[in-house]
């Protein structure tokens, strides 16, 4: 950059614009395949839809997607089993208390302690022991998340 001064008003020109219709279509496609390799972690609220899905039957590789309803931003990442466990825990402990009143974080941490680096077991126990969480628990419930993406 040399001696050039960065003008923050020009930052928008450096960032590719969000293609909301394309991102909605991609997220709906992703959700449609979410259960292909086992039970995913999908949570949803009025602000976003978040999905972390196993990419193999053993749950060693995971894909992460987050769709922000307001602006249509879609982020995606790959995670290994250990990181998948950590991001699920972070999502539940840090993200969901904003949308689930009175969320028992201590209970979440206790469940997590029983499943260190085991995202599949962690997901199963969260679904069973914490019915108050806004999670997609079975394929038949996917329409809830799909409808939120469509209505964005």
N, C-alpha and C. Protein backbone atom coordinates (compact mmCIF):
# COMPACT_ATOMS: atom_id res chain seq x y z
N UNK A 1 0.83 -1.20 0.00
CA UNK A 1 0.00 0.00 0.00
C UNK A 1 0.86 1.25 0.00
N UNK A 2 2.07 1.17 0.44
CA UNK A 2 2.95 2.33 0.42
C UNK A 2 2.44 3.44 1.30
N UNK A 3 2.46 4.66 0.74
CA UNK A 3 2.03 5.83 1.50
C UNK A 3 0.55 6.14 1.33
N UNK A 4 -0.17 5.26 0.62
CA UNK A 4 -1.60 5.50 0.42
C UNK A 4 -2.33 5.44 1.75
N UNK A 5 -3.30 6.31 1.87
CA UNK A 5 -4.12 6.32 3.08
C UNK A 5 -5.42 5.59 2.79
N UNK A 6 -5.79 4.71 3.69
CA UNK A 6 -7.03 3.96 3.52
C UNK A 6 -8.21 4.83 3.93
N UNK A 7 -9.14 4.98 3.02
CA UNK A 7 -10.35 5.74 3.29
C UNK A 7 -11.45 4.74 3.63
N UNK A 8 -11.93 4.80 4.85
CA UNK A 8 -12.94 3.83 5.29
C UNK A 8 -14.24 3.93 4.50
N UNK A 9 -14.49 5.06 3.87
CA UNK A 9 -15.68 5.18 3.03
C UNK A 9 -15.58 4.29 1.79
N UNK A 10 -14.35 3.90 1.44
CA UNK A 10 -14.15 3.07 0.26
C UNK A 10 -14.16 1.57 0.56
N UNK A 11 -14.32 1.21 1.82
CA UNK A 11 -14.28 -0.21 2.19
C UNK A 11 -15.35 -1.03 1.48
N UNK A 12 -16.52 -0.44 1.29
CA UNK A 12 -17.60 -1.18 0.62
C UNK A 12 -17.18 -1.63 -0.78
N UNK A 13 -16.36 -0.82 -1.45
CA UNK A 13 -15.93 -1.19 -2.79
C UNK A 13 -14.93 -2.35 -2.77
N UNK A 14 -14.31 -2.61 -1.63
CA UNK A 14 -13.35 -3.70 -1.50
C UNK A 14 -14.03 -5.03 -1.17
N UNK A 15 -15.25 -4.96 -0.70
CA UNK A 15 -15.98 -6.15 -0.28
C UNK A 15 -17.01 -6.51 -1.34
N UNK A 16 -17.02 -7.79 -1.70
CA UNK A 16 -17.99 -8.25 -2.69
C UNK A 16 -19.40 -8.11 -2.12
N UNK A 17 -20.33 -7.56 -2.89
CA UNK A 17 -21.69 -7.41 -2.36
C UNK A 17 -22.34 -8.76 -2.09
N UNK A 18 -23.22 -8.78 -1.12
CA UNK A 18 -23.94 -10.00 -0.75
C UNK A 18 -25.04 -10.26 -1.78
N UNK A 19 -25.07 -11.46 -2.30
CA UNK A 19 -26.11 -11.87 -3.24
C UNK A 19 -27.15 -12.65 -2.43
N UNK A 20 -28.09 -11.92 -1.83
CA UNK A 20 -29.05 -12.53 -0.92
C UNK A 20 -29.86 -13.65 -1.57
N UNK A 21 -30.43 -13.45 -2.77
CA UNK A 21 -31.19 -14.55 -3.38
C UNK A 21 -30.34 -15.81 -3.60
N UNK A 22 -29.12 -15.63 -4.07
CA UNK A 22 -28.22 -16.77 -4.29
C UNK A 22 -27.89 -17.46 -2.97
N UNK A 23 -27.63 -16.68 -1.93
CA UNK A 23 -27.30 -17.25 -0.62
C UNK A 23 -28.49 -17.97 0.00
N UNK A 24 -29.69 -17.43 -0.19
CA UNK A 24 -30.89 -18.12 0.29
C UNK A 24 -31.02 -19.48 -0.39
N UNK A 25 -30.85 -19.48 -1.70
CA UNK A 25 -30.95 -20.72 -2.47
C UNK A 25 -29.90 -21.74 -2.00
N UNK A 26 -28.67 -21.29 -1.78
CA UNK A 26 -27.61 -22.19 -1.32
C UNK A 26 -27.92 -22.75 0.06
N UNK A 27 -28.39 -21.90 0.98
CA UNK A 27 -28.68 -22.38 2.34
C UNK A 27 -29.83 -23.38 2.33
N UNK A 28 -30.84 -23.15 1.51
CA UNK A 28 -31.95 -24.10 1.40
C UNK A 28 -31.44 -25.43 0.85
N UNK A 29 -30.56 -25.37 -0.13
CA UNK A 29 -29.95 -26.59 -0.69
C UNK A 29 -29.16 -27.33 0.39
N UNK A 30 -28.38 -26.61 1.17
CA UNK A 30 -27.58 -27.20 2.25
C UNK A 30 -28.50 -27.87 3.27
N UNK A 31 -29.55 -27.18 3.68
CA UNK A 31 -30.47 -27.75 4.66
C UNK A 31 -31.12 -29.03 4.14
N UNK A 32 -31.39 -29.07 2.84
CA UNK A 32 -31.99 -30.26 2.25
C UNK A 32 -31.12 -31.50 2.34
N UNK A 33 -29.81 -31.31 2.48
CA UNK A 33 -28.89 -32.45 2.57
C UNK A 33 -28.35 -32.63 3.99
N UNK A 34 -28.86 -31.88 4.93
CA UNK A 34 -28.30 -31.82 6.29
C UNK A 34 -28.24 -33.17 6.99
N UNK A 35 -29.19 -34.05 6.73
CA UNK A 35 -29.26 -35.33 7.44
C UNK A 35 -28.62 -36.48 6.65
N UNK A 36 -27.95 -36.18 5.56
CA UNK A 36 -27.39 -37.23 4.69
C UNK A 36 -26.35 -38.11 5.38
N UNK A 37 -25.59 -37.56 6.32
CA UNK A 37 -24.53 -38.33 6.97
C UNK A 37 -24.72 -38.44 8.48
N UNK A 38 -25.95 -38.37 8.91
CA UNK A 38 -26.22 -38.43 10.34
C UNK A 38 -26.91 -37.16 10.81
N UNK A 39 -27.11 -37.06 12.10
CA UNK A 39 -27.83 -35.92 12.67
C UNK A 39 -26.94 -34.69 12.75
N UNK A 40 -27.38 -33.59 12.13
CA UNK A 40 -26.62 -32.34 12.19
C UNK A 40 -27.00 -31.54 13.43
N UNK A 41 -26.27 -30.46 13.66
CA UNK A 41 -26.66 -29.47 14.66
C UNK A 41 -27.19 -28.29 13.86
N UNK A 42 -28.49 -28.04 13.96
CA UNK A 42 -29.11 -26.90 13.27
C UNK A 42 -29.92 -26.14 14.30
N UNK A 43 -29.56 -24.87 14.50
CA UNK A 43 -30.39 -24.01 15.34
C UNK A 43 -30.86 -22.83 14.50
N UNK A 44 -31.94 -22.23 14.97
CA UNK A 44 -32.57 -21.17 14.19
C UNK A 44 -33.25 -20.18 15.11
N UNK A 45 -33.31 -18.95 14.64
CA UNK A 45 -34.01 -17.89 15.37
C UNK A 45 -34.38 -16.81 14.36
N UNK A 46 -34.97 -15.74 14.81
CA UNK A 46 -35.39 -14.70 13.87
C UNK A 46 -34.21 -14.02 13.20
N UNK A 47 -33.00 -14.12 13.79
CA UNK A 47 -31.83 -13.44 13.23
C UNK A 47 -31.04 -14.30 12.24
N UNK A 48 -30.99 -15.62 12.46
CA UNK A 48 -30.13 -16.47 11.63
C UNK A 48 -30.56 -17.93 11.67
N UNK A 49 -29.99 -18.68 10.73
CA UNK A 49 -30.08 -20.14 10.73
C UNK A 49 -28.64 -20.64 10.68
N UNK A 50 -28.30 -21.53 11.60
CA UNK A 50 -26.94 -22.05 11.72
C UNK A 50 -26.97 -23.57 11.57
N UNK A 51 -26.07 -24.11 10.77
CA UNK A 51 -26.02 -25.56 10.57
C UNK A 51 -24.58 -26.06 10.61
N UNK A 52 -24.38 -27.13 11.34
CA UNK A 52 -23.09 -27.83 11.38
C UNK A 52 -23.40 -29.30 11.11
N UNK A 53 -22.90 -29.80 9.97
CA UNK A 53 -23.32 -31.12 9.50
C UNK A 53 -22.14 -32.05 9.31
N UNK A 54 -22.30 -33.32 9.73
CA UNK A 54 -21.22 -34.28 9.48
C UNK A 54 -21.11 -34.55 7.98
N UNK A 55 -19.87 -34.64 7.51
CA UNK A 55 -19.64 -34.91 6.09
C UNK A 55 -19.31 -36.38 5.83
N UNK A 56 -19.15 -37.14 6.90
CA UNK A 56 -18.93 -38.58 6.77
C UNK A 56 -19.66 -39.28 7.91
N UNK A 57 -19.90 -40.55 7.74
CA UNK A 57 -20.69 -41.31 8.73
C UNK A 57 -20.03 -41.35 10.10
N UNK A 58 -18.71 -41.26 10.14
CA UNK A 58 -17.99 -41.31 11.42
C UNK A 58 -17.99 -39.96 12.14
N UNK A 59 -18.36 -38.89 11.45
CA UNK A 59 -18.36 -37.57 12.08
C UNK A 59 -16.97 -36.99 12.28
N UNK A 60 -16.03 -37.36 11.41
CA UNK A 60 -14.68 -36.82 11.52
C UNK A 60 -14.53 -35.48 10.81
N UNK A 61 -15.34 -35.24 9.78
CA UNK A 61 -15.31 -33.99 9.02
C UNK A 61 -16.70 -33.36 9.08
N UNK A 62 -16.73 -32.04 9.27
CA UNK A 62 -17.99 -31.31 9.40
C UNK A 62 -17.95 -30.07 8.52
N UNK A 63 -19.13 -29.67 8.02
CA UNK A 63 -19.27 -28.40 7.31
C UNK A 63 -20.19 -27.50 8.12
N UNK A 64 -19.80 -26.24 8.19
CA UNK A 64 -20.52 -25.25 9.00
C UNK A 64 -21.06 -24.16 8.07
N UNK A 65 -22.33 -23.82 8.26
CA UNK A 65 -22.98 -22.77 7.48
C UNK A 65 -23.75 -21.86 8.43
N UNK A 66 -23.69 -20.57 8.16
CA UNK A 66 -24.47 -19.61 8.92
C UNK A 66 -25.10 -18.62 7.95
N UNK A 67 -26.42 -18.52 8.00
CA UNK A 67 -27.15 -17.60 7.13
C UNK A 67 -27.78 -16.51 7.99
N UNK A 68 -27.39 -15.26 7.73
CA UNK A 68 -27.93 -14.11 8.47
C UNK A 68 -29.15 -13.60 7.70
N UNK A 69 -30.29 -13.63 8.34
CA UNK A 69 -31.54 -13.32 7.66
C UNK A 69 -31.63 -11.87 7.20
N UNK A 70 -31.13 -10.94 7.99
CA UNK A 70 -31.29 -9.52 7.66
C UNK A 70 -30.63 -9.15 6.34
N UNK A 71 -29.36 -9.50 6.19
CA UNK A 71 -28.65 -9.08 4.98
C UNK A 71 -28.37 -10.20 3.99
N UNK A 72 -28.70 -11.44 4.36
CA UNK A 72 -28.49 -12.56 3.46
C UNK A 72 -27.06 -13.07 3.40
N UNK A 73 -26.23 -12.64 4.33
CA UNK A 73 -24.84 -13.11 4.35
C UNK A 73 -24.81 -14.60 4.66
N UNK A 74 -23.96 -15.31 3.95
CA UNK A 74 -23.78 -16.75 4.16
C UNK A 74 -22.30 -17.02 4.36
N UNK A 75 -21.99 -17.62 5.50
CA UNK A 75 -20.60 -18.01 5.75
C UNK A 75 -20.54 -19.52 5.80
N UNK A 76 -19.40 -20.05 5.41
CA UNK A 76 -19.22 -21.50 5.46
C UNK A 76 -17.78 -21.81 5.83
N UNK A 77 -17.62 -22.97 6.46
CA UNK A 77 -16.30 -23.39 6.91
C UNK A 77 -16.28 -24.90 7.04
N UNK A 78 -15.09 -25.47 7.10
CA UNK A 78 -14.92 -26.89 7.37
C UNK A 78 -14.34 -27.03 8.76
N UNK A 79 -14.75 -28.07 9.45
CA UNK A 79 -14.29 -28.31 10.82
C UNK A 79 -13.93 -29.79 10.98
N UNK A 80 -12.92 -30.04 11.80
CA UNK A 80 -12.67 -31.43 12.19
C UNK A 80 -13.55 -31.74 13.39
N UNK A 81 -13.51 -32.98 13.83
CA UNK A 81 -14.39 -33.44 14.92
C UNK A 81 -14.21 -32.60 16.19
N UNK A 82 -12.98 -32.32 16.56
CA UNK A 82 -12.71 -31.57 17.79
C UNK A 82 -13.24 -30.14 17.69
N UNK A 83 -13.00 -29.51 16.54
CA UNK A 83 -13.47 -28.13 16.36
C UNK A 83 -14.99 -28.09 16.28
N UNK A 84 -15.60 -29.10 15.65
CA UNK A 84 -17.06 -29.16 15.57
C UNK A 84 -17.66 -29.18 16.97
N UNK A 85 -17.10 -29.99 17.84
CA UNK A 85 -17.57 -30.03 19.23
C UNK A 85 -17.49 -28.64 19.87
N UNK A 86 -16.35 -27.98 19.69
CA UNK A 86 -16.15 -26.66 20.32
C UNK A 86 -17.10 -25.60 19.77
N UNK A 87 -17.35 -25.60 18.45
CA UNK A 87 -18.23 -24.57 17.91
C UNK A 87 -19.69 -24.81 18.29
N UNK A 88 -20.08 -26.07 18.45
CA UNK A 88 -21.44 -26.35 18.94
C UNK A 88 -21.58 -25.80 20.36
N UNK A 89 -20.61 -26.11 21.19
CA UNK A 89 -20.66 -25.63 22.58
C UNK A 89 -20.71 -24.10 22.61
N UNK A 90 -19.87 -23.45 21.81
CA UNK A 90 -19.86 -21.99 21.78
C UNK A 90 -21.19 -21.43 21.30
N UNK A 91 -21.77 -22.04 20.28
CA UNK A 91 -23.06 -21.57 19.76
C UNK A 91 -24.13 -21.66 20.84
N UNK A 92 -24.17 -22.77 21.55
CA UNK A 92 -25.21 -22.94 22.57
C UNK A 92 -24.96 -22.04 23.77
N UNK A 93 -23.72 -21.96 24.23
CA UNK A 93 -23.39 -21.20 25.44
C UNK A 93 -23.39 -19.69 25.20
N UNK A 94 -22.93 -19.27 24.02
CA UNK A 94 -22.81 -17.82 23.77
C UNK A 94 -23.88 -17.26 22.86
N UNK A 95 -24.32 -18.03 21.88
CA UNK A 95 -25.29 -17.53 20.92
C UNK A 95 -26.74 -17.67 21.36
N UNK A 96 -27.09 -18.83 21.85
CA UNK A 96 -28.50 -19.10 22.15
C UNK A 96 -29.05 -18.39 23.39
N UNK A 97 -28.24 -18.03 24.39
CA UNK A 97 -28.83 -17.29 25.51
C UNK A 97 -29.50 -15.98 25.09
N UNK A 98 -29.11 -15.45 23.93
CA UNK A 98 -29.76 -14.23 23.43
C UNK A 98 -31.18 -14.49 22.96
N UNK A 99 -31.49 -15.75 22.62
CA UNK A 99 -32.83 -16.06 22.10
C UNK A 99 -33.62 -17.04 22.96
N UNK A 100 -32.95 -17.69 23.90
CA UNK A 100 -33.62 -18.63 24.80
C UNK A 100 -33.52 -18.07 26.22
N UNK A 101 -34.63 -17.52 26.68
CA UNK A 101 -34.64 -16.91 28.01
C UNK A 101 -34.38 -17.97 29.08
N UNK A 102 -33.48 -17.64 29.98
CA UNK A 102 -33.20 -18.53 31.11
C UNK A 102 -32.46 -19.80 30.74
N UNK A 103 -31.73 -19.78 29.63
CA UNK A 103 -30.98 -20.97 29.21
C UNK A 103 -30.01 -21.40 30.31
N UNK A 104 -30.07 -22.66 30.66
CA UNK A 104 -29.23 -23.22 31.73
C UNK A 104 -27.86 -23.58 31.16
N UNK A 105 -26.94 -22.61 31.19
CA UNK A 105 -25.60 -22.80 30.64
C UNK A 105 -24.83 -23.85 31.43
N UNK A 106 -25.07 -23.93 32.73
CA UNK A 106 -24.40 -24.95 33.55
C UNK A 106 -24.76 -26.35 33.05
N UNK A 107 -26.02 -26.55 32.72
CA UNK A 107 -26.47 -27.85 32.20
C UNK A 107 -25.80 -28.15 30.86
N UNK A 108 -25.69 -27.13 30.00
CA UNK A 108 -25.02 -27.31 28.71
C UNK A 108 -23.58 -27.74 28.93
N UNK A 109 -22.89 -27.07 29.86
CA UNK A 109 -21.49 -27.41 30.14
C UNK A 109 -21.36 -28.82 30.71
N UNK A 110 -22.31 -29.23 31.53
CA UNK A 110 -22.28 -30.60 32.07
C UNK A 110 -22.46 -31.63 30.95
N UNK A 111 -23.37 -31.35 30.04
CA UNK A 111 -23.57 -32.25 28.90
C UNK A 111 -22.31 -32.28 28.05
N UNK A 112 -21.71 -31.12 27.83
CA UNK A 112 -20.48 -31.04 27.03
C UNK A 112 -19.36 -31.85 27.68
N UNK A 113 -19.26 -31.78 29.00
CA UNK A 113 -18.20 -32.52 29.71
C UNK A 113 -18.31 -34.03 29.49
N UNK A 114 -19.52 -34.51 29.23
CA UNK A 114 -19.73 -35.94 28.97
C UNK A 114 -19.37 -36.34 27.54
N UNK A 115 -19.14 -35.34 26.67
CA UNK A 115 -18.94 -35.63 25.24
C UNK A 115 -17.77 -34.85 24.64
N UNK A 116 -16.70 -34.67 25.37
CA UNK A 116 -15.56 -33.90 24.87
C UNK A 116 -15.08 -34.51 23.55
N UNK A 117 -15.01 -33.66 22.52
CA UNK A 117 -14.58 -34.05 21.18
C UNK A 117 -15.46 -35.11 20.53
N UNK A 118 -16.71 -35.19 20.96
CA UNK A 118 -17.69 -36.12 20.38
C UNK A 118 -18.93 -35.31 19.99
N UNK A 119 -18.87 -34.61 18.85
CA UNK A 119 -20.01 -33.77 18.48
C UNK A 119 -21.31 -34.54 18.30
N UNK A 120 -21.25 -35.75 17.78
CA UNK A 120 -22.48 -36.53 17.57
C UNK A 120 -23.17 -36.84 18.90
N UNK A 121 -22.41 -37.27 19.89
CA UNK A 121 -22.97 -37.54 21.21
C UNK A 121 -23.49 -36.28 21.88
N UNK A 122 -22.75 -35.19 21.72
CA UNK A 122 -23.14 -33.90 22.29
C UNK A 122 -24.47 -33.44 21.70
N UNK A 123 -24.60 -33.53 20.38
CA UNK A 123 -25.84 -33.14 19.71
C UNK A 123 -27.01 -33.99 20.21
N UNK A 124 -26.81 -35.30 20.27
CA UNK A 124 -27.88 -36.21 20.70
C UNK A 124 -28.34 -35.87 22.11
N UNK A 125 -27.40 -35.62 23.02
CA UNK A 125 -27.78 -35.30 24.40
C UNK A 125 -28.44 -33.93 24.51
N UNK A 126 -27.95 -32.94 23.76
CA UNK A 126 -28.60 -31.62 23.77
C UNK A 126 -30.06 -31.75 23.32
N UNK A 127 -30.28 -32.51 22.28
CA UNK A 127 -31.64 -32.68 21.76
C UNK A 127 -32.54 -33.38 22.77
N UNK A 128 -32.01 -34.36 23.45
CA UNK A 128 -32.80 -35.13 24.40
C UNK A 128 -33.03 -34.38 25.70
N UNK A 129 -31.99 -33.76 26.23
CA UNK A 129 -32.05 -33.20 27.58
C UNK A 129 -32.42 -31.72 27.64
N UNK A 130 -32.45 -31.04 26.48
CA UNK A 130 -32.75 -29.61 26.49
C UNK A 130 -33.79 -29.28 25.41
N UNK A 131 -35.05 -29.68 25.66
CA UNK A 131 -36.10 -29.46 24.66
C UNK A 131 -36.38 -27.98 24.37
N UNK A 132 -35.93 -27.10 25.26
CA UNK A 132 -36.16 -25.67 25.06
C UNK A 132 -35.28 -25.06 23.98
N UNK A 133 -34.26 -25.76 23.54
CA UNK A 133 -33.37 -25.23 22.51
C UNK A 133 -34.06 -25.25 21.15
N UNK A 134 -33.91 -24.17 20.37
CA UNK A 134 -34.53 -24.12 19.03
C UNK A 134 -33.68 -24.90 18.02
N UNK A 135 -33.76 -26.23 18.11
CA UNK A 135 -32.97 -27.11 17.25
C UNK A 135 -33.88 -27.90 16.32
N UNK A 136 -33.34 -28.23 15.16
CA UNK A 136 -34.01 -29.16 14.26
C UNK A 136 -33.59 -30.55 14.73
N UNK A 137 -34.55 -31.31 15.23
CA UNK A 137 -34.23 -32.61 15.84
C UNK A 137 -34.38 -33.79 14.89
N UNK A 138 -35.13 -33.59 13.81
CA UNK A 138 -35.32 -34.67 12.83
C UNK A 138 -35.60 -34.05 11.47
N UNK A 139 -35.43 -34.86 10.45
CA UNK A 139 -35.56 -34.38 9.07
C UNK A 139 -36.93 -33.73 8.82
N UNK A 140 -37.97 -34.26 9.45
CA UNK A 140 -39.31 -33.71 9.27
C UNK A 140 -39.49 -32.29 9.78
N UNK A 141 -38.55 -31.82 10.59
CA UNK A 141 -38.62 -30.45 11.12
C UNK A 141 -37.84 -29.44 10.29
N UNK A 142 -37.15 -29.89 9.25
CA UNK A 142 -36.31 -29.00 8.45
C UNK A 142 -37.08 -27.81 7.88
N UNK A 143 -38.36 -28.00 7.61
CA UNK A 143 -39.14 -26.94 6.99
C UNK A 143 -39.14 -25.67 7.85
N UNK A 144 -39.04 -25.81 9.17
CA UNK A 144 -38.98 -24.63 10.04
C UNK A 144 -37.81 -23.74 9.66
N UNK A 145 -36.63 -24.34 9.50
CA UNK A 145 -35.44 -23.58 9.14
C UNK A 145 -35.51 -23.08 7.70
N UNK A 146 -36.00 -23.93 6.81
CA UNK A 146 -36.13 -23.54 5.40
C UNK A 146 -37.06 -22.35 5.26
N UNK A 147 -38.18 -22.36 5.98
CA UNK A 147 -39.13 -21.25 5.91
C UNK A 147 -38.50 -19.94 6.41
N UNK A 148 -37.67 -20.02 7.45
CA UNK A 148 -36.98 -18.82 7.93
C UNK A 148 -36.04 -18.26 6.87
N UNK A 149 -35.33 -19.13 6.18
CA UNK A 149 -34.43 -18.69 5.12
C UNK A 149 -35.24 -18.08 3.98
N UNK A 150 -36.31 -18.76 3.56
CA UNK A 150 -37.14 -18.25 2.46
C UNK A 150 -37.73 -16.89 2.77
N UNK A 151 -38.11 -16.66 4.02
CA UNK A 151 -38.78 -15.40 4.37
C UNK A 151 -37.80 -14.25 4.62
N UNK A 152 -36.52 -14.52 4.51
CA UNK A 152 -35.51 -13.47 4.76
C UNK A 152 -35.52 -12.42 3.67
